N, C-alpha and C. Protein backbone atom coordinates (compact mmCIF):
# COMPACT_ATOMS: atom_id res chain seq x y z
N MET A 1 0.74 -1.27 0.12
CA MET A 1 0.16 -0.41 -0.23
C MET A 1 0.26 1.37 0.09
N PRO A 2 0.33 2.15 -1.18
CA PRO A 2 1.53 3.44 -1.09
C PRO A 2 1.55 4.28 0.58
N ARG A 3 2.17 5.00 0.75
CA ARG A 3 2.18 5.91 1.86
C ARG A 3 1.68 6.77 1.48
N PRO A 4 1.07 7.55 2.77
CA PRO A 4 0.45 9.03 1.97
C PRO A 4 1.21 9.85 1.78
N ILE A 5 1.03 10.68 1.50
CA ILE A 5 1.32 12.13 0.74
C ILE A 5 0.38 12.92 1.57
N ASP A 6 1.24 14.04 2.58
CA ASP A 6 0.51 14.92 3.30
C ASP A 6 0.81 16.20 2.75
N LEU A 7 -0.19 17.24 1.98
CA LEU A 7 -0.25 18.23 2.09
C LEU A 7 -0.28 19.62 2.45
N MET A 8 0.08 20.19 2.75
CA MET A 8 -0.24 21.67 3.88
C MET A 8 0.41 22.92 3.27
N THR A 9 -0.68 23.58 3.77
CA THR A 9 -0.39 25.35 3.16
C THR A 9 0.97 25.42 3.96
N GLY A 10 2.39 26.11 3.83
CA GLY A 10 3.14 26.41 4.96
C GLY A 10 4.08 28.01 4.44
N THR A 11 5.01 28.36 4.40
CA THR A 11 6.19 29.40 4.21
C THR A 11 7.38 29.19 3.49
N ALA A 12 8.01 29.87 3.31
CA ALA A 12 9.18 29.78 2.92
C ALA A 12 10.44 29.46 3.91
N THR A 13 9.97 29.61 5.35
CA THR A 13 10.58 29.73 6.37
C THR A 13 10.40 28.13 6.83
N GLU A 14 9.86 26.89 6.35
CA GLU A 14 9.60 25.81 6.52
C GLU A 14 10.78 25.21 6.79
N PRO A 15 11.20 24.66 7.88
CA PRO A 15 12.43 24.03 8.27
C PRO A 15 13.02 22.93 7.20
N GLY A 16 14.07 23.22 6.36
CA GLY A 16 14.56 22.20 5.46
C GLY A 16 14.38 22.84 4.22
N LEU A 17 13.70 23.77 3.51
CA LEU A 17 12.83 23.78 2.75
C LEU A 17 14.43 24.53 1.92
N PHE A 18 14.95 25.12 2.85
CA PHE A 18 16.11 25.88 1.87
C PHE A 18 17.04 24.94 1.33
N GLU A 19 17.50 24.01 2.34
CA GLU A 19 18.21 23.21 2.01
C GLU A 19 17.88 22.10 1.27
N LEU A 20 16.87 21.72 0.80
CA LEU A 20 16.40 20.96 -0.33
C LEU A 20 16.61 21.77 -1.84
N PHE A 21 15.79 22.88 -1.53
CA PHE A 21 15.96 23.74 -3.10
C PHE A 21 17.39 23.99 -3.23
N ALA A 22 18.56 24.60 -1.90
CA ALA A 22 19.87 24.76 -2.14
C ALA A 22 20.66 23.41 -3.21
N GLY A 23 19.81 22.19 -2.45
CA GLY A 23 20.45 21.19 -2.72
C GLY A 23 20.04 20.86 -4.46
N ILE A 24 19.08 21.12 -4.63
CA ILE A 24 18.61 20.89 -6.36
C ILE A 24 19.36 21.56 -7.09
N VAL A 25 19.15 23.02 -6.75
CA VAL A 25 20.12 24.01 -7.44
C VAL A 25 21.70 23.57 -7.45
N GLU A 26 22.45 22.89 -6.36
CA GLU A 26 23.66 22.17 -6.42
C GLU A 26 23.98 21.55 -7.99
N ARG A 27 22.64 20.70 -7.60
CA ARG A 27 23.07 19.23 -8.64
C ARG A 27 22.41 19.74 -10.23
N GLY A 28 21.95 21.07 -9.98
CA GLY A 28 21.43 21.59 -11.89
C GLY A 28 20.09 20.82 -11.98
N GLU A 29 18.99 20.55 -11.17
CA GLU A 29 18.03 20.00 -11.39
C GLU A 29 17.07 20.40 -12.20
N GLY A 30 16.69 21.48 -12.59
CA GLY A 30 15.87 22.06 -13.11
C GLY A 30 15.75 23.63 -12.91
N PHE A 31 16.25 24.10 -12.04
CA PHE A 31 16.40 26.05 -12.07
C PHE A 31 17.21 26.39 -12.34
N PRO A 32 17.34 27.92 -12.74
CA PRO A 32 18.43 28.57 -13.85
C PRO A 32 19.27 29.16 -12.57
N GLN A 33 18.93 29.07 -11.20
CA GLN A 33 20.04 29.48 -10.03
C GLN A 33 21.07 28.70 -10.55
N LEU A 34 22.41 29.80 -10.39
CA LEU A 34 24.00 28.73 -10.04
C LEU A 34 24.23 28.56 -8.88
N PRO A 35 24.73 27.55 -8.52
CA PRO A 35 25.41 27.36 -7.06
C PRO A 35 26.45 28.13 -6.88
N PRO A 36 26.67 28.36 -5.18
CA PRO A 36 25.71 28.50 -3.99
C PRO A 36 24.07 29.08 -4.56
N LEU A 37 23.70 28.29 -3.93
CA LEU A 37 22.47 29.48 -3.71
C LEU A 37 22.72 30.47 -2.82
N ARG A 38 22.12 31.47 -3.14
CA ARG A 38 22.28 32.71 -1.93
C ARG A 38 20.70 33.15 -1.51
N THR A 39 20.64 33.41 -0.18
CA THR A 39 19.56 33.59 0.39
C THR A 39 18.27 34.41 0.09
N GLU A 40 19.09 35.35 -0.71
CA GLU A 40 18.41 36.73 -1.36
C GLU A 40 17.51 36.18 -2.96
N GLU A 41 18.28 34.79 -3.53
CA GLU A 41 17.81 34.11 -4.64
C GLU A 41 16.71 33.50 -4.39
N TYR A 42 16.82 32.86 -2.84
CA TYR A 42 15.77 32.05 -2.81
C TYR A 42 14.44 32.88 -2.01
N ALA A 43 14.78 33.76 -1.63
CA ALA A 43 13.97 34.72 -0.85
C ALA A 43 12.93 35.36 -2.13
N ALA A 44 13.34 35.62 -3.48
CA ALA A 44 12.92 36.62 -4.19
C ALA A 44 11.93 35.09 -4.92
N MET A 45 12.12 33.91 -5.01
CA MET A 45 11.71 32.77 -5.33
C MET A 45 10.40 32.20 -4.29
N TRP A 46 11.03 31.97 -3.20
CA TRP A 46 10.05 31.18 -2.43
C TRP A 46 9.36 32.37 -1.55
N GLY A 47 10.13 33.65 -0.98
CA GLY A 47 9.35 34.21 -0.21
C GLY A 47 8.23 35.14 -0.89
N ALA A 48 8.50 35.48 -1.98
CA ALA A 48 7.63 36.38 -2.49
C ALA A 48 6.48 35.29 -3.48
N ALA A 49 6.15 34.08 -2.93
CA ALA A 49 5.31 33.14 -3.26
C ALA A 49 3.74 33.95 -2.87
N THR A 50 2.56 33.37 -3.47
CA THR A 50 1.46 33.98 -2.99
C THR A 50 1.45 32.20 -2.18
N ALA A 51 1.47 31.48 -2.75
CA ALA A 51 1.10 30.37 -1.49
C ALA A 51 2.87 29.28 -1.99
N VAL A 52 3.09 28.85 -0.73
CA VAL A 52 3.65 27.40 -0.70
C VAL A 52 3.04 26.65 -0.10
N VAL A 53 3.17 25.36 -0.48
CA VAL A 53 2.68 24.18 -0.52
C VAL A 53 3.48 23.06 -0.22
N ILE A 54 3.78 22.40 1.20
CA ILE A 54 4.61 21.62 1.60
C ILE A 54 3.98 19.87 1.72
N ALA A 55 4.78 19.09 0.73
CA ALA A 55 4.50 17.60 0.86
C ALA A 55 5.32 17.05 1.96
N ARG A 56 4.96 16.24 2.70
CA ARG A 56 5.51 15.63 3.85
C ARG A 56 5.20 14.04 3.73
N MET A 57 5.74 13.22 3.85
CA MET A 57 5.73 11.62 4.23
C MET A 57 6.14 11.24 5.61
N ASP A 58 5.17 10.52 6.14
CA ASP A 58 5.87 10.22 7.78
C ASP A 58 6.42 11.57 8.37
N GLY A 59 5.81 12.61 8.09
CA GLY A 59 6.69 13.57 8.74
C GLY A 59 7.58 14.18 8.48
N ILE A 60 8.24 13.64 6.99
CA ILE A 60 9.28 13.78 6.60
C ILE A 60 9.42 14.67 5.61
N LEU A 61 9.96 16.54 5.28
CA LEU A 61 10.12 16.85 4.38
C LEU A 61 10.15 16.12 3.05
N ALA A 62 9.15 16.18 2.02
CA ALA A 62 9.29 15.33 0.71
C ALA A 62 9.36 16.22 -0.40
N GLY A 63 9.08 17.35 -0.33
CA GLY A 63 8.88 18.17 -1.56
C GLY A 63 7.93 19.49 -0.94
N ALA A 64 7.88 20.45 -2.05
CA ALA A 64 7.01 21.63 -1.78
C ALA A 64 7.15 22.42 -3.57
N SER A 65 5.90 23.01 -3.10
CA SER A 65 5.92 23.82 -5.05
C SER A 65 5.52 25.34 -3.91
N TYR A 66 5.26 26.33 -5.10
CA TYR A 66 4.74 27.62 -4.70
C TYR A 66 3.75 28.16 -6.24
N LEU A 67 3.40 29.15 -5.78
CA LEU A 67 2.76 29.57 -7.25
C LEU A 67 2.70 31.55 -6.65
N LYS A 68 2.75 31.68 -8.08
CA LYS A 68 2.84 33.45 -7.95
C LYS A 68 2.87 34.27 -8.98
N PRO A 69 2.56 35.55 -9.14
CA PRO A 69 2.55 36.13 -10.18
C PRO A 69 3.27 36.00 -11.03
N ASN A 70 2.99 35.50 -12.52
CA ASN A 70 4.27 35.55 -13.42
C ASN A 70 4.25 37.20 -13.64
N GLY A 71 3.84 37.90 -13.80
CA GLY A 71 4.22 39.23 -13.77
C GLY A 71 3.63 40.02 -13.14
N PRO A 72 4.12 41.63 -13.04
CA PRO A 72 3.18 42.46 -12.49
C PRO A 72 1.82 42.85 -13.16
N GLY A 73 0.94 43.83 -12.08
CA GLY A 73 -0.28 44.41 -13.03
C GLY A 73 -0.88 43.56 -13.89
N LEU A 74 -0.97 43.94 -15.15
CA LEU A 74 -2.05 43.22 -16.30
C LEU A 74 -1.47 41.73 -16.33
N GLY A 75 -0.62 41.14 -16.14
CA GLY A 75 0.04 40.06 -16.19
C GLY A 75 -0.27 39.15 -14.68
N ALA A 76 -0.66 39.37 -13.89
CA ALA A 76 -0.79 38.99 -12.25
C ALA A 76 -1.77 38.03 -12.46
N HIS A 77 -2.68 38.15 -13.54
CA HIS A 77 -3.92 36.86 -13.31
C HIS A 77 -3.21 35.49 -13.57
N ILE A 78 -1.73 35.31 -14.42
CA ILE A 78 -1.25 34.20 -14.76
C ILE A 78 -0.12 34.09 -14.05
N ALA A 79 -0.14 32.73 -13.08
CA ALA A 79 0.51 32.13 -12.06
C ALA A 79 1.87 31.57 -12.97
N ASN A 80 2.94 31.72 -12.08
CA ASN A 80 4.16 31.11 -12.22
C ASN A 80 4.16 29.99 -11.05
N ALA A 81 4.44 28.73 -11.11
CA ALA A 81 4.89 27.56 -10.57
C ALA A 81 6.05 27.24 -10.17
N GLY A 82 6.43 26.56 -9.20
CA GLY A 82 7.69 25.71 -9.07
C GLY A 82 7.70 24.95 -8.07
N TYR A 83 8.15 23.48 -8.64
CA TYR A 83 8.24 22.34 -7.64
C TYR A 83 9.51 21.78 -7.33
N ILE A 84 9.60 20.85 -6.34
CA ILE A 84 10.88 20.49 -5.51
C ILE A 84 10.60 19.28 -4.73
N VAL A 85 11.52 18.09 -5.22
CA VAL A 85 11.03 16.95 -4.82
C VAL A 85 12.23 16.41 -4.15
N SER A 86 12.24 16.00 -3.08
CA SER A 86 14.02 15.36 -2.54
C SER A 86 14.09 14.20 -3.17
N PRO A 87 15.25 14.21 -3.47
CA PRO A 87 16.14 12.74 -4.23
C PRO A 87 15.40 11.29 -3.93
N GLU A 88 15.13 10.95 -2.31
CA GLU A 88 14.87 10.37 -1.49
C GLU A 88 13.09 10.00 -2.02
N HIS A 89 12.38 10.87 -2.32
CA HIS A 89 11.10 11.11 -2.51
C HIS A 89 10.36 10.91 -3.85
N ARG A 90 11.35 10.80 -4.85
CA ARG A 90 11.34 11.15 -6.42
C ARG A 90 10.25 9.38 -6.89
N GLY A 91 9.76 9.55 -7.82
CA GLY A 91 9.23 8.55 -8.79
C GLY A 91 8.12 7.92 -7.78
N ILE A 92 7.49 8.49 -6.60
CA ILE A 92 6.70 7.55 -6.17
C ILE A 92 4.93 8.43 -5.86
N GLY A 93 5.20 9.55 -6.67
CA GLY A 93 3.75 10.41 -6.78
C GLY A 93 3.72 12.04 -6.19
N VAL A 94 5.18 12.06 -5.48
CA VAL A 94 4.91 13.41 -4.81
C VAL A 94 4.86 14.77 -5.66
N GLY A 95 5.51 14.31 -6.93
CA GLY A 95 5.74 15.73 -7.69
C GLY A 95 4.47 15.90 -8.51
N ARG A 96 3.51 14.68 -8.81
CA ARG A 96 2.16 14.71 -9.59
C ARG A 96 1.58 15.42 -8.45
N ARG A 97 1.37 14.85 -7.07
CA ARG A 97 0.64 15.48 -6.02
C ARG A 97 0.31 17.01 -6.13
N LEU A 98 1.59 17.50 -5.94
CA LEU A 98 2.13 18.72 -6.06
C LEU A 98 1.58 19.65 -7.21
N VAL A 99 1.99 18.95 -8.45
CA VAL A 99 1.11 19.65 -9.96
C VAL A 99 -0.22 19.55 -9.52
N GLU A 100 -0.76 18.64 -9.38
CA GLU A 100 -2.19 18.43 -9.40
C GLU A 100 -2.94 19.57 -8.44
N ASP A 101 -2.47 19.63 -6.88
CA ASP A 101 -2.52 20.56 -6.28
C ASP A 101 -2.59 22.21 -6.57
N SER A 102 -1.45 22.28 -7.17
CA SER A 102 -1.27 23.51 -7.74
C SER A 102 -2.63 24.23 -8.94
N ILE A 103 -2.76 23.11 -9.79
CA ILE A 103 -3.90 23.41 -10.48
C ILE A 103 -5.08 23.55 -9.80
N ARG A 104 -5.53 22.69 -8.60
CA ARG A 104 -6.60 23.24 -8.34
C ARG A 104 -6.51 24.39 -7.63
N ARG A 105 -5.88 24.66 -6.48
CA ARG A 105 -5.28 25.97 -5.62
C ARG A 105 -5.39 27.11 -6.52
N ALA A 106 -5.31 27.41 -7.80
CA ALA A 106 -4.69 28.43 -8.43
C ALA A 106 -5.52 29.43 -8.60
N PRO A 107 -7.02 29.11 -9.21
CA PRO A 107 -8.28 29.95 -9.13
C PRO A 107 -8.34 30.50 -8.10
N ALA A 108 -8.34 29.93 -6.98
CA ALA A 108 -8.88 30.33 -5.71
C ALA A 108 -8.14 31.24 -5.26
N LEU A 109 -6.83 31.76 -5.77
CA LEU A 109 -5.88 32.94 -5.73
C LEU A 109 -6.22 33.41 -6.65
N GLY A 110 -6.59 33.68 -7.30
CA GLY A 110 -6.93 34.59 -8.50
C GLY A 110 -6.22 34.45 -10.17
N PHE A 111 -5.58 33.45 -9.97
CA PHE A 111 -4.64 32.77 -11.00
C PHE A 111 -5.84 31.81 -12.37
N ASP A 112 -5.67 32.32 -13.60
CA ASP A 112 -6.54 31.42 -14.76
C ASP A 112 -5.71 30.71 -15.18
N ALA A 113 -4.35 30.70 -15.31
CA ALA A 113 -3.34 30.38 -15.95
C ALA A 113 -2.07 29.89 -15.43
N ILE A 114 -1.55 29.29 -15.75
CA ILE A 114 -0.10 29.00 -14.77
C ILE A 114 0.82 28.65 -16.16
N GLN A 115 1.79 29.72 -15.81
CA GLN A 115 3.02 29.28 -16.93
C GLN A 115 4.33 29.02 -15.99
N PHE A 116 4.82 28.30 -17.30
CA PHE A 116 6.45 28.02 -16.60
C PHE A 116 7.35 28.61 -17.85
N ASN A 117 8.42 29.58 -17.28
CA ASN A 117 8.81 30.24 -18.17
C ASN A 117 10.20 29.47 -18.53
N PHE A 118 10.84 28.78 -17.79
CA PHE A 118 11.99 27.85 -18.15
C PHE A 118 12.05 27.04 -18.10
N VAL A 119 11.88 26.05 -18.83
CA VAL A 119 11.48 24.45 -18.61
C VAL A 119 12.44 23.50 -19.39
N PHE A 120 13.84 23.41 -18.75
CA PHE A 120 14.67 22.62 -19.26
C PHE A 120 14.54 21.36 -20.31
N GLU A 121 14.62 21.25 -21.74
CA GLU A 121 14.45 20.14 -22.75
C GLU A 121 14.15 18.96 -22.10
N ARG A 122 15.27 18.81 -20.95
CA ARG A 122 15.48 17.31 -20.08
C ARG A 122 15.23 17.30 -18.71
N ASN A 123 14.42 18.30 -18.45
CA ASN A 123 13.48 18.57 -17.33
C ASN A 123 12.70 16.96 -17.19
N PRO A 124 12.78 15.89 -16.14
CA PRO A 124 12.32 14.99 -16.20
C PRO A 124 10.69 15.23 -15.90
N ALA A 125 10.25 16.41 -15.49
CA ALA A 125 9.03 16.66 -15.26
C ALA A 125 8.11 17.07 -16.37
N LEU A 126 8.75 17.16 -17.67
CA LEU A 126 8.32 17.76 -18.84
C LEU A 126 7.02 16.77 -19.08
N GLY A 127 7.36 15.76 -19.41
CA GLY A 127 6.24 14.69 -19.59
C GLY A 127 4.97 14.97 -18.76
N LEU A 128 4.53 14.73 -17.70
CA LEU A 128 4.16 15.16 -16.52
C LEU A 128 3.20 16.58 -16.94
N TYR A 129 3.71 17.36 -17.07
CA TYR A 129 3.46 18.79 -17.39
C TYR A 129 2.47 18.62 -18.65
N LEU A 130 3.03 17.97 -19.85
CA LEU A 130 2.36 17.84 -20.99
C LEU A 130 1.17 17.14 -20.78
N GLU A 131 1.24 15.93 -19.97
CA GLU A 131 0.26 14.65 -19.56
C GLU A 131 -1.00 15.81 -18.89
N LEU A 132 -0.60 16.44 -17.66
CA LEU A 132 -1.48 17.64 -17.47
C LEU A 132 -1.98 18.40 -17.81
N GLY A 133 -2.02 19.08 -19.11
CA GLY A 133 -2.50 19.76 -19.78
C GLY A 133 -1.79 21.08 -20.20
N TRP A 134 -0.21 21.25 -19.71
CA TRP A 134 0.62 22.38 -20.32
C TRP A 134 0.69 21.94 -21.76
N VAL A 135 0.60 23.16 -22.33
CA VAL A 135 1.03 23.23 -23.79
C VAL A 135 2.64 24.24 -24.19
N VAL A 136 3.26 23.78 -25.02
CA VAL A 136 4.86 24.45 -25.21
C VAL A 136 4.12 25.54 -26.19
N ILE A 137 4.25 26.90 -25.33
CA ILE A 137 3.80 28.47 -26.23
C ILE A 137 5.10 29.26 -26.42
N GLY A 138 6.60 28.48 -26.35
CA GLY A 138 7.71 29.34 -26.87
C GLY A 138 8.86 28.12 -26.86
N ARG A 139 10.11 28.63 -27.04
CA ARG A 139 11.27 28.15 -27.10
C ARG A 139 12.26 28.89 -26.86
N ILE A 140 13.15 28.82 -26.08
CA ILE A 140 14.37 29.57 -25.81
C ILE A 140 15.82 28.89 -26.53
N PRO A 141 16.20 29.36 -27.35
CA PRO A 141 17.48 28.45 -27.77
C PRO A 141 18.34 28.87 -27.21
N ARG A 142 19.09 27.58 -26.96
CA ARG A 142 20.31 27.68 -26.32
C ARG A 142 20.25 28.25 -24.83
N ALA A 143 19.44 27.96 -24.00
CA ALA A 143 19.10 28.28 -22.74
C ALA A 143 20.41 28.00 -21.78
N LEU A 144 20.88 27.14 -22.11
CA LEU A 144 21.75 26.54 -21.63
C LEU A 144 23.08 26.02 -22.67
N VAL A 145 23.83 25.68 -22.49
CA VAL A 145 25.11 25.46 -23.20
C VAL A 145 24.74 24.46 -24.34
N ASP A 146 23.91 23.57 -23.78
CA ASP A 146 23.46 22.24 -24.50
C ASP A 146 21.95 21.79 -24.74
N GLN A 147 21.19 23.04 -24.59
CA GLN A 147 19.78 22.64 -24.40
C GLN A 147 18.97 23.76 -24.51
N ASP A 148 17.72 23.35 -25.07
CA ASP A 148 16.85 24.76 -25.52
C ASP A 148 16.40 24.66 -23.85
N ALA A 149 15.33 25.65 -23.97
CA ALA A 149 14.33 25.72 -22.63
C ALA A 149 13.01 26.00 -23.29
N LEU A 150 12.00 25.55 -22.39
CA LEU A 150 10.67 25.98 -22.90
C LEU A 150 9.53 26.58 -22.42
N ILE A 151 8.80 27.33 -23.09
CA ILE A 151 7.93 27.95 -21.83
C ILE A 151 6.50 27.09 -22.56
N LEU A 152 5.82 27.23 -21.22
CA LEU A 152 4.72 26.03 -21.05
C LEU A 152 3.63 26.60 -20.43
N TRP A 153 2.31 26.80 -20.54
CA TRP A 153 1.09 27.71 -20.34
C TRP A 153 0.06 26.38 -20.27
N ARG A 154 -0.86 26.79 -19.11
CA ARG A 154 -1.86 25.89 -19.09
C ARG A 154 -3.04 26.78 -18.26
N ALA A 155 -4.48 26.70 -18.88
CA ALA A 155 -5.50 27.42 -17.88
C ALA A 155 -5.87 26.25 -16.82
N THR A 156 -6.43 27.00 -15.58
CA THR A 156 -6.80 26.36 -14.90
C THR A 156 -8.27 26.46 -14.87
N PRO A 157 -8.38 25.70 -14.10
CA PRO A 157 -10.00 25.02 -14.33
C PRO A 157 -11.13 26.31 -13.88
N GLY A 158 -12.11 26.27 -14.29
CA GLY A 158 -13.09 27.47 -14.40
C GLY A 158 -13.88 26.97 -13.51
N GLU A 159 -15.27 27.81 -13.27
CA GLU A 159 -16.14 27.13 -12.70
C GLU A 159 -16.71 25.63 -12.69
N SER A 160 -17.09 25.44 -13.94
CA SER A 160 -17.07 24.00 -14.41
C SER A 160 -15.95 22.96 -14.31
N GLY A 161 -15.03 23.29 -13.86
CA GLY A 161 -14.19 22.48 -13.62
C GLY A 161 -13.26 22.25 -14.90
N ASP A 162 -13.63 22.32 -15.97
CA ASP A 162 -12.81 22.11 -17.07
C ASP A 162 -11.61 23.44 -17.36
N ALA A 163 -10.74 23.28 -17.86
CA ALA A 163 -10.01 24.57 -18.45
C ALA A 163 -10.20 24.95 -19.99
N PRO A 164 -10.31 26.12 -19.86
CA PRO A 164 -10.22 26.59 -21.23
C PRO A 164 -8.91 26.29 -22.33
N PRO A 165 -9.65 26.11 -23.69
CA PRO A 165 -8.46 25.66 -24.51
C PRO A 165 -7.17 26.33 -24.56
N PRO A 166 -6.19 26.03 -24.83
CA PRO A 166 -4.64 27.00 -25.10
C PRO A 166 -4.90 28.02 -25.90
N PRO A 167 -3.71 29.06 -25.77
CA PRO A 167 -4.16 30.14 -26.54
C PRO A 167 -3.65 29.74 -27.96
N THR A 168 -4.26 30.21 -29.20
CA THR A 168 -3.25 30.05 -30.62
C THR A 168 -2.31 31.01 -31.19
N ARG A 169 -1.64 30.70 -31.72
CA ARG A 169 -0.39 31.42 -32.61
C ARG A 169 -1.35 31.97 -33.84
N GLY A 170 -0.92 33.16 -33.70
CA GLY A 170 -2.23 33.82 -35.20
C GLY A 170 -0.85 34.52 -36.01
């Protein structure tokens, strides 16, 4: 029987969260920050979040997510999100739970879409994002020395629970 994954609202000051994120940055696992992670960079990403969600398994920090405006003013209705999962908790559904939670949570926070600005082509979560309804709306050539980065977008569910179709290019 799978172990339960408990999700709870948290903050950037959650014990162990900085260290978990710093380890992911150190290993180059999907975020553009350069190691070593500086507290100012962490605060700009996690401390500025509209919502932080903590995932625990057996009381142990397993992962986390954040939602925040993708841009100011007129662009603030679109969320940006980030997800991290500890190496010990990968491949058992923690990331999926966090992503699905953010899709459900975003409308209550005033977001009608979620956009990822910098998804590396080799990001192991790319398949999950596409499966859960994100579409590629742009490509950043040579974002890294050896790969492009993708810009992904998806609508959040409206009152009916369905997400509207993705934007079309004209």
